[in-house]
Amino acid sequence: MDIIIMVLLLSLAVLIYRGVRRGWILLLWFVTLIAVLALFRYHVTSPLDLSF
């Protein structure tokens, strides 16, 4: 999931650099935001399987 987020951010930066229409940039930004929030929610709610 981390790699997918990095690829989304890289493609977002490339689109901004190339001057693509604002609609595509906002759409990709929201998709990236949803992926980041989903990963954060997974890490926050995942149990820690620690045994000492």
Protein backbone atom coordinates (compact mmCIF):
# COMPACT_ATOMS: atom_id res chain seq x y z
CA MET A 1 0.00 0.00 0.00
CA ASP A 2 2.88 2.35 0.73
CA ILE A 3 4.27 1.87 -2.77
CA ILE A 4 0.87 2.63 -4.30
CA ILE A 5 0.67 5.89 -2.36
CA MET A 6 4.19 6.88 -3.45
CA VAL A 7 3.32 6.13 -7.10
CA LEU A 8 0.13 8.20 -6.78
CA LEU A 9 2.10 11.12 -5.31
CA LEU A 10 4.76 10.88 -8.02
CA SER A 11 2.15 10.82 -10.78
CA LEU A 12 0.40 13.76 -9.13
CA ALA A 13 3.66 15.74 -9.16
CA VAL A 14 4.24 14.85 -12.83
CA LEU A 15 0.72 15.97 -13.75
CA ILE A 16 1.20 19.26 -11.92
CA TYR A 17 4.58 19.78 -13.63
CA ARG A 18 3.09 19.14 -17.07
CA GLY A 19 0.21 21.53 -16.45
CA VAL A 20 -2.67 19.11 -16.84
CA ARG A 21 -6.20 20.38 -16.25
CA ARG A 22 -7.19 21.10 -12.66
CA GLY A 23 -9.93 18.46 -12.64
CA TRP A 24 -7.48 15.57 -13.14
CA ILE A 25 -5.14 16.91 -10.49
CA LEU A 26 -7.94 17.27 -7.94
CA LEU A 27 -9.29 13.81 -8.74
CA LEU A 28 -5.88 12.19 -8.27
CA TRP A 29 -5.30 14.22 -5.10
CA PHE A 30 -8.57 12.95 -3.59
CA VAL A 31 -7.74 9.35 -4.56
CA THR A 32 -4.34 9.74 -2.89
CA LEU A 33 -5.94 11.28 0.19
CA ILE A 34 -8.37 8.38 0.50
CA ALA A 35 -5.50 5.89 0.19
CA VAL A 36 -3.48 7.69 2.87
CA LEU A 37 -6.45 7.83 5.23
CA ALA A 38 -7.22 4.15 4.65
CA LEU A 39 -3.61 3.20 5.41
CA PHE A 40 -3.63 5.39 8.52
CA ARG A 41 -6.90 3.82 9.70
CA TYR A 42 -5.47 0.35 9.15
CA HIS A 43 -2.34 1.13 11.16
CA VAL A 44 -4.30 2.74 13.99
CA THR A 45 -6.84 -0.05 14.35
CA SER A 46 -4.56 -3.05 13.75
CA PRO A 47 -3.81 -5.06 16.88
CA LEU A 48 -0.24 -5.43 18.02
CA ASP A 49 0.61 -9.08 18.38
CA LEU A 50 3.29 -8.75 21.01
CA SER A 51 4.41 -11.63 23.14
CA PHE A 52 7.00 -11.30 25.87
